[in-house]
Amino acid sequence: MDDRMISRIDALEIMIAHQERSLAELNEVVASQWRKIDVLDRQILQLREELQSIAPARDAPEPPPPHY
């Protein structure tokens, strides 16, 4: 192989290495975001359950006001 071809192959290998590193970093970001989404989903579910347990008490008829 001539020097020009070797230089091109080296450049391609360097680009691939950078892309692999970028892909790994992006994969970690996506995984981290999914972990956060899972936590938020659990919190929303818990809050929804708390609101549903409060709702029947809130919808109960109020006692009539005292008469003077």
Protein backbone atom coordinates (compact mmCIF):
# COMPACT_ATOMS: atom_id res chain seq x y z
CA MET A 1 0.00 0.00 0.00
CA ASP A 2 1.15 3.50 -0.66
CA ASP A 3 1.43 6.21 1.98
CA ARG A 4 -1.69 7.99 0.77
CA MET A 5 -3.82 4.89 1.25
CA ILE A 6 -2.33 4.25 4.70
CA SER A 7 -3.09 7.84 5.71
CA ARG A 8 -6.69 7.49 4.55
CA ILE A 9 -7.11 4.23 6.46
CA ASP A 10 -5.61 5.82 9.59
CA ALA A 11 -8.01 8.76 9.27
CA LEU A 12 -10.97 6.41 8.90
CA GLU A 13 -9.89 4.39 11.94
CA ILE A 14 -9.60 7.59 13.97
CA MET A 15 -13.07 8.72 12.87
CA ILE A 16 -14.55 5.34 13.75
CA ALA A 17 -12.92 5.44 17.19
CA HIS A 18 -14.40 8.89 17.84
CA GLN A 19 -17.82 7.75 16.67
CA GLU A 20 -17.69 4.67 18.88
CA ARG A 21 -16.82 6.84 21.88
CA SER A 22 -19.61 9.29 21.05
CA LEU A 23 -22.06 6.43 20.65
CA ALA A 24 -21.08 4.99 24.04
CA GLU A 25 -21.50 8.41 25.69
CA LEU A 26 -24.90 8.92 24.06
CA ASN A 27 -25.95 5.43 25.13
CA GLU A 28 -25.08 6.28 28.74
CA VAL A 29 -27.06 9.52 28.53
CA VAL A 30 -30.10 7.68 27.19
CA ALA A 31 -29.81 5.01 29.90
CA SER A 32 -29.54 7.71 32.57
CA GLN A 33 -32.60 9.48 31.22
CA TRP A 34 -34.59 6.24 31.25
CA ARG A 35 -33.63 5.69 34.90
CA LYS A 36 -34.88 9.20 35.71
CA ILE A 37 -38.08 8.61 33.74
CA ASP A 38 -38.69 5.39 35.70
CA VAL A 39 -38.28 7.27 38.99
CA LEU A 40 -40.65 10.00 37.82
CA ASP A 41 -43.21 7.43 36.65
CA ARG A 42 -43.17 5.79 40.09
CA GLN A 43 -43.59 9.18 41.76
CA ILE A 44 -46.53 10.07 39.52
CA LEU A 45 -48.17 6.71 40.26
CA GLN A 46 -47.69 7.24 44.00
CA LEU A 47 -49.13 10.76 43.83
CA ARG A 48 -52.07 9.53 41.76
CA GLU A 49 -52.81 6.83 44.37
CA GLU A 50 -52.61 9.40 47.17
CA LEU A 51 -55.01 11.70 45.33
CA GLN A 52 -57.45 8.85 44.75
CA SER A 53 -57.40 7.99 48.45
CA ILE A 54 -58.14 11.63 49.29
CA ALA A 55 -60.80 12.11 46.61
CA PRO A 56 -63.60 10.10 48.29
CA ALA A 57 -63.23 12.14 51.48
CA ARG A 58 -63.30 15.34 49.47
CA ASP A 59 -66.42 14.31 47.56
CA ALA A 60 -68.32 13.36 50.72
CA PRO A 61 -71.27 15.63 51.44
CA GLU A 62 -70.54 18.40 53.90
CA PRO A 63 -72.55 18.46 57.08
CA PRO A 64 -75.12 21.22 57.13
CA PRO A 65 -73.96 24.41 58.80
CA PRO A 66 -75.20 25.03 62.33
CA HIS A 67 -78.29 27.20 62.60
CA TYR A 68 -78.19 30.25 64.80
